[in-house]
Amino acid sequence: MMSCPFCGHAAHARTSRSLSENVKQRYHQCRNIECSATFRTLESIEEIIQPSNRRDLPVPDIPLSPVMQKKYKHYSASALRN
């Protein structure tokens, strides 16, 4: 949930659409009836904090978090699949 940039109240996502595999555009409306501002946001996957435990899934082309980079520094992306 986002906060309204005008009054600070909660704003709910009214609709969204995918712009790419890892980016979503959302339209929000302020829940404060006196404000009722609408605004658009972009949501994206910034980094992987913990890779999936399922090794049968493809590894996305998204950077690992710094902690995971240290943990997996000797592994290539393909090695994470095994």
PDB file of N, CA and C in Angstrom:
ATOM      1  N   MET A   1       0.844  -1.170   0.000  1.00  0.00           N
ATOM      2  CA  MET A   1       0.000   0.000   0.000  1.00  0.00           C
ATOM      3  C   MET A   1       0.894   1.238   0.000  1.00  0.00           C
ATOM      4  N   MET A   2       0.519   2.190  -0.802  1.00  0.00           N
ATOM      5  CA  MET A   2       1.266   3.445  -0.907  1.00  0.00           C
ATOM      6  C   MET A   2       0.572   4.518  -0.082  1.00  0.00           C
ATOM      7  N   SER A   3       1.334   5.521   0.299  1.00  0.00           N
ATOM      8  CA  SER A   3       0.769   6.707   0.950  1.00  0.00           C
ATOM      9  C   SER A   3       0.546   7.782  -0.097  1.00  0.00           C
ATOM     10  N   CYS A   4      -0.506   8.556   0.092  1.00  0.00           N
ATOM     11  CA  CYS A   4      -0.805   9.655  -0.821  1.00  0.00           C
ATOM     12  C   CYS A   4       0.302  10.705  -0.727  1.00  0.00           C
ATOM     13  N   PRO A   5       0.852  11.160  -1.857  1.00  0.00           N
ATOM     14  CA  PRO A   5       1.911  12.169  -1.820  1.00  0.00           C
ATOM     15  C   PRO A   5       1.398  13.553  -1.409  1.00  0.00           C
ATOM     16  N   PHE A   6       0.085  13.736  -1.368  1.00  0.00           N
ATOM     17  CA  PHE A   6      -0.491  15.025  -0.993  1.00  0.00           C
ATOM     18  C   PHE A   6      -0.837  15.078   0.491  1.00  0.00           C
ATOM     19  N   CYS A   7      -1.660  14.132   0.960  1.00  0.00           N
ATOM     20  CA  CYS A   7      -2.150  14.209   2.342  1.00  0.00           C
ATOM     21  C   CYS A   7      -1.551  13.159   3.261  1.00  0.00           C
ATOM     22  N   GLY A   8      -0.874  12.151   2.710  1.00  0.00           N
ATOM     23  CA  GLY A   8      -0.226  11.127   3.522  1.00  0.00           C
ATOM     24  C   GLY A   8      -1.115   9.956   3.906  1.00  0.00           C
ATOM     25  N   HIS A   9      -2.398  10.002   3.575  1.00  0.00           N
ATOM     26  CA  HIS A   9      -3.288   8.885   3.880  1.00  0.00           C
ATOM     27  C   HIS A   9      -2.969   7.691   2.976  1.00  0.00           C
ATOM     28  N   ALA A  10      -3.523   6.545   3.330  1.00  0.00           N
ATOM     29  CA  ALA A  10      -3.342   5.343   2.522  1.00  0.00           C
ATOM     30  C   ALA A  10      -3.977   5.527   1.151  1.00  0.00           C
ATOM     31  N   ALA A  11      -3.333   4.978   0.150  1.00  0.00           N
ATOM     32  CA  ALA A  11      -3.869   4.993  -1.212  1.00  0.00           C
ATOM     33  C   ALA A  11      -3.903   3.556  -1.713  1.00  0.00           C
ATOM     34  N   HIS A  12      -5.011   3.165  -2.277  1.00  0.00           N
ATOM     35  CA  HIS A  12      -5.162   1.806  -2.787  1.00  0.00           C
ATOM     36  C   HIS A  12      -4.872   1.744  -4.275  1.00  0.00           C
ATOM     37  N   ALA A  13      -4.314   0.620  -4.694  1.00  0.00           N
ATOM     38  CA  ALA A  13      -4.086   0.393  -6.123  1.00  0.00           C
ATOM     39  C   ALA A  13      -5.434   0.122  -6.779  1.00  0.00           C
ATOM     40  N   ARG A  14      -5.758   0.891  -7.788  1.00  0.00           N
ATOM     41  CA  ARG A  14      -7.031   0.730  -8.489  1.00  0.00           C
ATOM     42  C   ARG A  14      -6.886  -0.204  -9.683  1.00  0.00           C
ATOM     43  N   THR A  15      -5.773  -0.113 -10.355  1.00  0.00           N
ATOM     44  CA  THR A  15      -5.511  -0.979 -11.505  1.00  0.00           C
ATOM     45  C   THR A  15      -4.002  -1.037 -11.725  1.00  0.00           C
ATOM     46  N   SER A  16      -3.564  -2.013 -12.491  1.00  0.00           N
ATOM     47  CA  SER A  16      -2.138  -2.133 -12.796  1.00  0.00           C
ATOM     48  C   SER A  16      -1.976  -2.834 -14.134  1.00  0.00           C
ATOM     49  N   ARG A  17      -0.780  -2.678 -14.689  1.00  0.00           N
ATOM     50  CA  ARG A  17      -0.445  -3.387 -15.922  1.00  0.00           C
ATOM     51  C   ARG A  17       1.048  -3.663 -15.929  1.00  0.00           C
ATOM     52  N   SER A  18       1.408  -4.783 -16.505  1.00  0.00           N
ATOM     53  CA  SER A  18       2.816  -5.155 -16.610  1.00  0.00           C
ATOM     54  C   SER A  18       3.445  -4.414 -17.775  1.00  0.00           C
ATOM     55  N   LEU A  19       4.592  -3.809 -17.519  1.00  0.00           N
ATOM     56  CA  LEU A  19       5.357  -3.147 -18.574  1.00  0.00           C
ATOM     57  C   LEU A  19       6.446  -4.065 -19.113  1.00  0.00           C
ATOM     58  N   SER A  20       6.896  -4.984 -18.263  1.00  0.00           N
ATOM     59  CA  SER A  20       7.869  -5.998 -18.662  1.00  0.00           C
ATOM     60  C   SER A  20       7.740  -7.144 -17.668  1.00  0.00           C
ATOM     61  N   GLU A  21       8.600  -8.124 -17.802  1.00  0.00           N
ATOM     62  CA  GLU A  21       8.542  -9.283 -16.916  1.00  0.00           C
ATOM     63  C   GLU A  21       8.751  -8.899 -15.449  1.00  0.00           C
ATOM     64  N   ASN A  22       9.524  -7.848 -15.190  1.00  0.00           N
ATOM     65  CA  ASN A  22       9.862  -7.472 -13.816  1.00  0.00           C
ATOM     66  C   ASN A  22       9.421  -6.069 -13.427  1.00  0.00           C
ATOM     67  N   VAL A  23       8.602  -5.420 -14.258  1.00  0.00           N
ATOM     68  CA  VAL A  23       8.155  -4.049 -13.968  1.00  0.00           C
ATOM     69  C   VAL A  23       6.641  -3.960 -14.122  1.00  0.00           C
ATOM     70  N   LYS A  24       5.995  -3.374 -13.117  1.00  0.00           N
ATOM     71  CA  LYS A  24       4.552  -3.189 -13.135  1.00  0.00           C
ATOM     72  C   LYS A  24       4.228  -1.726 -12.878  1.00  0.00           C
ATOM     73  N   GLN A  25       3.283  -1.193 -13.633  1.00  0.00           N
ATOM     74  CA  GLN A  25       2.797   0.178 -13.449  1.00  0.00           C
ATOM     75  C   GLN A  25       1.459   0.089 -12.714  1.00  0.00           C
ATOM     76  N   ARG A  26       1.312   0.860 -11.629  1.00  0.00           N
ATOM     77  CA  ARG A  26       0.076   0.839 -10.838  1.00  0.00           C
ATOM     78  C   ARG A  26      -0.526   2.237 -10.762  1.00  0.00           C
ATOM     79  N   TYR A  27      -1.844   2.270 -10.777  1.00  0.00           N
ATOM     80  CA  TYR A  27      -2.596   3.507 -10.576  1.00  0.00           C
ATOM     81  C   TYR A  27      -3.230   3.439  -9.194  1.00  0.00           C
ATOM     82  N   HIS A  28      -3.016   4.476  -8.394  1.00  0.00           N
ATOM     83  CA  HIS A  28      -3.498   4.514  -7.013  1.00  0.00           C
ATOM     84  C   HIS A  28      -4.486   5.655  -6.826  1.00  0.00           C
ATOM     85  N   GLN A  29      -5.377   5.472  -5.840  1.00  0.00           N
ATOM     86  CA  GLN A  29      -6.295   6.540  -5.460  1.00  0.00           C
ATOM     87  C   GLN A  29      -6.268   6.679  -3.947  1.00  0.00           C
ATOM     88  N   CYS A  30      -6.170   7.933  -3.491  1.00  0.00           N
ATOM     89  CA  CYS A  30      -6.147   8.233  -2.066  1.00  0.00           C
ATOM     90  C   CYS A  30      -7.480   7.832  -1.440  1.00  0.00           C
ATOM     91  N   ARG A  31      -7.421   7.211  -0.264  1.00  0.00           N
ATOM     92  CA  ARG A  31      -8.632   6.789   0.439  1.00  0.00           C
ATOM     93  C   ARG A  31      -9.266   7.921   1.229  1.00  0.00           C
ATOM     94  N   ASN A  32      -8.558   9.018   1.393  1.00  0.00           N
ATOM     95  CA  ASN A  32      -9.121  10.187   2.072  1.00  0.00           C
ATOM     96  C   ASN A  32     -10.093  10.846   1.096  1.00  0.00           C
ATOM     97  N   ILE A  33     -11.376  10.759   1.377  1.00  0.00           N
ATOM     98  CA  ILE A  33     -12.400  11.243   0.442  1.00  0.00           C
ATOM     99  C   ILE A  33     -12.269  12.735   0.161  1.00  0.00           C
ATOM    100  N   GLU A  34     -11.742  13.497   1.109  1.00  0.00           N
ATOM    101  CA  GLU A  34     -11.561  14.937   0.892  1.00  0.00           C
ATOM    102  C   GLU A  34     -10.393  15.222  -0.051  1.00  0.00           C
ATOM    103  N   CYS A  35      -9.471  14.291  -0.157  1.00  0.00           N
ATOM    104  CA  CYS A  35      -8.305  14.455  -1.035  1.00  0.00           C
ATOM    105  C   CYS A  35      -8.572  13.791  -2.391  1.00  0.00           C
ATOM    106  N   SER A  36      -8.769  12.479  -2.371  1.00  0.00           N
ATOM    107  CA  SER A  36      -9.081  11.673  -3.566  1.00  0.00           C
ATOM    108  C   SER A  36      -8.073  11.810  -4.707  1.00  0.00           C
ATOM    109  N   ALA A  37      -6.834  12.156  -4.399  1.00  0.00           N
ATOM    110  CA  ALA A  37      -5.806  12.268  -5.442  1.00  0.00           C
ATOM    111  C   ALA A  37      -5.586  10.912  -6.102  1.00  0.00           C
ATOM    112  N   THR A  38      -5.224  10.933  -7.363  1.00  0.00           N
ATOM    113  CA  THR A  38      -4.819   9.716  -8.063  1.00  0.00           C
ATOM    114  C   THR A  38      -3.402   9.923  -8.589  1.00  0.00           C
ATOM    115  N   PHE A  39      -2.630   8.850  -8.577  1.00  0.00           N
ATOM    116  CA  PHE A  39      -1.246   8.935  -9.043  1.00  0.00           C
ATOM    117  C   PHE A  39      -0.801   7.570  -9.537  1.00  0.00           C
ATOM    118  N   ARG A  40       0.283   7.553 -10.269  1.00  0.00           N
ATOM    119  CA  ARG A  40       0.811   6.340 -10.884  1.00  0.00           C
ATOM    120  C   ARG A  40       2.189   6.041 -10.304  1.00  0.00           C
ATOM    121  N   THR A  41       2.475   4.759 -10.102  1.00  0.00           N
ATOM    122  CA  THR A  41       3.780   4.327  -9.601  1.00  0.00           C
ATOM    123  C   THR A  41       4.341   3.226 -10.498  1.00  0.00           C
ATOM    124  N   LEU A  42       5.642   2.998 -10.376  1.00  0.00           N
ATOM    125  CA  LEU A  42       6.311   1.876 -11.027  1.00  0.00           C
ATOM    126  C   LEU A  42       6.834   0.946  -9.945  1.00  0.00           C
ATOM    127  N   GLU A  43       6.594  -0.324 -10.104  1.00  0.00           N
ATOM    128  CA  GLU A  43       7.081  -1.336  -9.174  1.00  0.00           C
ATOM    129  C   GLU A  43       8.001  -2.261  -9.947  1.00  0.00           C
ATOM    130  N   SER A  44       9.184  -2.485  -9.398  1.00  0.00           N
ATOM    131  CA  SER A  44      10.123  -3.377 -10.083  1.00  0.00           C
ATOM    132  C   SER A  44      10.854  -4.245  -9.071  1.00  0.00           C
ATOM    133  N   ILE A  45      11.368  -5.346  -9.550  1.00  0.00           N
ATOM    134  CA  ILE A  45      12.190  -6.214  -8.712  1.00  0.00           C
ATOM    135  C   ILE A  45      13.602  -5.652  -8.751  1.00  0.00           C
ATOM    136  N   GLU A  46      14.094  -5.266  -7.586  1.00  0.00           N
ATOM    137  CA  GLU A  46      15.405  -4.623  -7.491  1.00  0.00           C
ATOM    138  C   GLU A  46      16.536  -5.638  -7.372  1.00  0.00           C
ATOM    139  N   GLU A  47      16.347  -6.633  -6.496  1.00  0.00           N
ATOM    140  CA  GLU A  47      17.368  -7.650  -6.316  1.00  0.00           C
ATOM    141  C   GLU A  47      16.749  -8.877  -5.669  1.00  0.00           C
ATOM    142  N   ILE A  48      17.433  -9.998  -5.805  1.00  0.00           N
ATOM    143  CA  ILE A  48      17.006 -11.253  -5.199  1.00  0.00           C
ATOM    144  C   ILE A  48      17.631 -11.331  -3.811  1.00  0.00           C
ATOM    145  N   ILE A  49      16.794 -11.467  -2.800  1.00  0.00           N
ATOM    146  CA  ILE A  49      17.284 -11.587  -1.421  1.00  0.00           C
ATOM    147  C   ILE A  49      17.608 -13.044  -1.113  1.00  0.00           C
ATOM    148  N   GLN A  50      16.750 -13.944  -1.530  1.00  0.00           N
ATOM    149  CA  GLN A  50      16.964 -15.378  -1.350  1.00  0.00           C
ATOM    150  C   GLN A  50      16.461 -16.093  -2.597  1.00  0.00           C
ATOM    151  N   PRO A  51      17.320 -16.813  -3.314  1.00  0.00           N
ATOM    152  CA  PRO A  51      16.860 -17.544  -4.494  1.00  0.00           C
ATOM    153  C   PRO A  51      15.826 -18.608  -4.117  1.00  0.00           C
ATOM    154  N   SER A  52      15.055 -19.017  -5.091  1.00  0.00           N
ATOM    155  CA  SER A  52      14.045 -20.054  -4.891  1.00  0.00           C
ATOM    156  C   SER A  52      14.704 -21.367  -4.487  1.00  0.00           C
ATOM    157  N   ASN A  53      14.028 -22.121  -3.656  1.00  0.00           N
ATOM    158  CA  ASN A  53      14.493 -23.464  -3.303  1.00  0.00           C
ATOM    159  C   ASN A  53      14.241 -24.457  -4.430  1.00  0.00           C
ATOM    160  N   ARG A  54      13.362 -24.107  -5.343  1.00  0.00           N
ATOM    161  CA  ARG A  54      13.052 -24.980  -6.478  1.00  0.00           C
ATOM    162  C   ARG A  54      14.136 -24.833  -7.533  1.00  0.00           C
ATOM    163  N   ARG A  55      14.898 -25.864  -7.746  1.00  0.00           N
ATOM    164  CA  ARG A  55      16.011 -25.823  -8.694  1.00  0.00           C
ATOM    165  C   ARG A  55      15.561 -26.092 -10.127  1.00  0.00           C
ATOM    166  N   ASP A  56      14.288 -26.449 -10.316  1.00  0.00           N
ATOM    167  CA  ASP A  56      13.785 -26.701 -11.665  1.00  0.00           C
ATOM    168  C   ASP A  56      13.324 -25.418 -12.352  1.00  0.00           C
ATOM    169  N   LEU A  57      13.283 -24.308 -11.622  1.00  0.00           N
ATOM    170  CA  LEU A  57      12.849 -23.032 -12.187  1.00  0.00           C
ATOM    171  C   LEU A  57      14.027 -22.292 -12.809  1.00  0.00           C
ATOM    172  N   PRO A  58      13.791 -21.523 -13.867  1.00  0.00           N
ATOM    173  CA  PRO A  58      14.882 -20.744 -14.458  1.00  0.00           C
ATOM    174  C   PRO A  58      15.351 -19.645 -13.505  1.00  0.00           C
ATOM    175  N   VAL A  59      16.619 -19.333 -13.571  1.00  0.00           N
ATOM    176  CA  VAL A  59      17.183 -18.262 -12.741  1.00  0.00           C
ATOM    177  C   VAL A  59      16.953 -16.941 -13.462  1.00  0.00           C
ATOM    178  N   PRO A  60      16.225 -16.002 -12.842  1.00  0.00           N
ATOM    179  CA  PRO A  60      15.960 -14.722 -13.512  1.00  0.00           C
ATOM    180  C   PRO A  60      17.220 -13.870 -13.620  1.00  0.00           C
ATOM    181  N   ASP A  61      17.232 -12.995 -14.585  1.00  0.00           N
ATOM    182  CA  ASP A  61      18.365 -12.087 -14.785  1.00  0.00           C
ATOM    183  C   ASP A  61      18.178 -10.859 -13.897  1.00  0.00           C
ATOM    184  N   ILE A  62      18.247 -11.080 -12.588  1.00  0.00           N
ATOM    185  CA  ILE A  62      18.075 -10.034 -11.579  1.00  0.00           C
ATOM    186  C   ILE A  62      19.249 -10.169 -10.619  1.00  0.00           C
ATOM    187  N   PRO A  63      19.886  -9.057 -10.231  1.00  0.00           N
ATOM    188  CA  PRO A  63      21.047  -9.165  -9.346  1.00  0.00           C
ATOM    189  C   PRO A  63      20.690  -9.749  -7.980  1.00  0.00           C
ATOM    190  N   LEU A  64      21.628 -10.494  -7.430  1.00  0.00           N
ATOM    191  CA  LEU A  64      21.489 -10.979  -6.062  1.00  0.00           C
ATOM    192  C   LEU A  64      21.802  -9.847  -5.096  1.00  0.00           C
ATOM    193  N   SER A  65      21.221  -9.910  -3.907  1.00  0.00           N
ATOM    194  CA  SER A  65      21.534  -8.927  -2.876  1.00  0.00           C
ATOM    195  C   SER A  65      23.016  -9.061  -2.516  1.00  0.00           C
ATOM    196  N   PRO A  66      23.616  -8.023  -1.904  1.00  0.00           N
ATOM    197  CA  PRO A  66      25.034  -8.109  -1.525  1.00  0.00           C
ATOM    198  C   PRO A  66      25.356  -9.328  -0.661  1.00  0.00           C
ATOM    199  N   VAL A  67      24.469  -9.681   0.254  1.00  0.00           N
ATOM    200  CA  VAL A  67      24.695 -10.853   1.109  1.00  0.00           C
ATOM    201  C   VAL A  67      24.715 -12.122   0.264  1.00  0.00           C
ATOM    202  N   MET A  68      23.762 -12.238  -0.662  1.00  0.00           N
ATOM    203  CA  MET A  68      23.704 -13.415  -1.524  1.00  0.00           C
ATOM    204  C   MET A  68      24.876 -13.440  -2.507  1.00  0.00           C
ATOM    205  N   GLN A  69      25.345 -12.264  -2.936  1.00  0.00           N
ATOM    206  CA  GLN A  69      26.512 -12.217  -3.822  1.00  0.00           C
ATOM    207  C   GLN A  69      27.723 -12.824  -3.130  1.00  0.00           C
ATOM    208  N   LYS A  70      27.912 -12.518  -1.845  1.00  0.00           N
ATOM    209  CA  LYS A  70      29.029 -13.096  -1.092  1.00  0.00           C
ATOM    210  C   LYS A  70      28.850 -14.596  -0.938  1.00  0.00           C
ATOM    211  N   LYS A  71      27.617 -15.013  -0.637  1.00  0.00           N
ATOM    212  CA  LYS A  71      27.342 -16.434  -0.426  1.00  0.00           C
ATOM    213  C   LYS A  71      27.574 -17.242  -1.697  1.00  0.00           C
ATOM    214  N   TYR A  72      27.176 -16.687  -2.843  1.00  0.00           N
ATOM    215  CA  TYR A  72      27.256 -17.406  -4.108  1.00  0.00           C
ATOM    216  C   TYR A  72      28.358 -16.884  -5.026  1.00  0.00           C
ATOM    217  N   LYS A  73      29.389 -16.237  -4.493  1.00  0.00           N
ATOM    218  CA  LYS A  73      30.402 -15.595  -5.336  1.00  0.00           C
ATOM    219  C   LYS A  73      31.170 -16.584  -6.214  1.00  0.00           C
ATOM    220  N   HIS A  74      31.233 -17.835  -5.826  1.00  0.00           N
ATOM    221  CA  HIS A  74      31.967 -18.828  -6.615  1.00  0.00           C
ATOM    222  C   HIS A  74      31.068 -19.591  -7.583  1.00  0.00           C
ATOM    223  N   TYR A  75      29.802 -19.184  -7.667  1.00  0.00           N
ATOM    224  CA  TYR A  75      28.842 -19.899  -8.512  1.00  0.00           C
ATOM    225  C   TYR A  75      28.369 -19.021  -9.654  1.00  0.00           C
ATOM    226  N   SER A  76      28.197 -19.631 -10.808  1.00  0.00           N
ATOM    227  CA  SER A  76      27.569 -18.926 -11.927  1.00  0.00           C
ATOM    228  C   SER A  76      26.058 -19.075 -11.782  1.00  0.00           C
ATOM    229  N   ALA A  77      25.307 -18.327 -12.574  1.00  0.00           N
ATOM    230  CA  ALA A  77      23.847 -18.429 -12.525  1.00  0.00           C
ATOM    231  C   ALA A  77      23.399 -19.854 -12.821  1.00  0.00           C
ATOM    232  N   SER A  78      24.069 -20.526 -13.742  1.00  0.00           N
ATOM    233  CA  SER A  78      23.680 -21.900 -14.072  1.00  0.00           C
ATOM    234  C   SER A  78      23.929 -22.846 -12.899  1.00  0.00           C
ATOM    235  N   ALA A  79      24.923 -22.556 -12.076  1.00  0.00           N
ATOM    236  CA  ALA A  79      25.199 -23.411 -10.925  1.00  0.00           C
ATOM    237  C   ALA A  79      24.097 -23.311  -9.880  1.00  0.00           C
ATOM    238  N   LEU A  80      23.397 -22.183  -9.832  1.00  0.00           N
ATOM    239  CA  LEU A  80      22.307 -22.040  -8.877  1.00  0.00           C
ATOM    240  C   LEU A  80      21.144 -22.962  -9.234  1.00  0.00           C
ATOM    241  N   ARG A  81      21.075 -23.407 -10.468  1.00  0.00           N
ATOM    242  CA  ARG A  81      19.999 -24.304 -10.900  1.00  0.00           C
ATOM    243  C   ARG A  81      20.228 -25.730 -10.408  1.00  0.00           C
ATOM    244  N   ASN A  82      21.478 -26.096 -10.172  1.00  0.00           N
ATOM    245  CA  ASN A  82      21.796 -27.488  -9.817  1.00  0.00           C
ATOM    246  C   ASN A  82      21.660 -27.751  -8.346  1.00  0.00           C
TER     247      ASN A  82
END
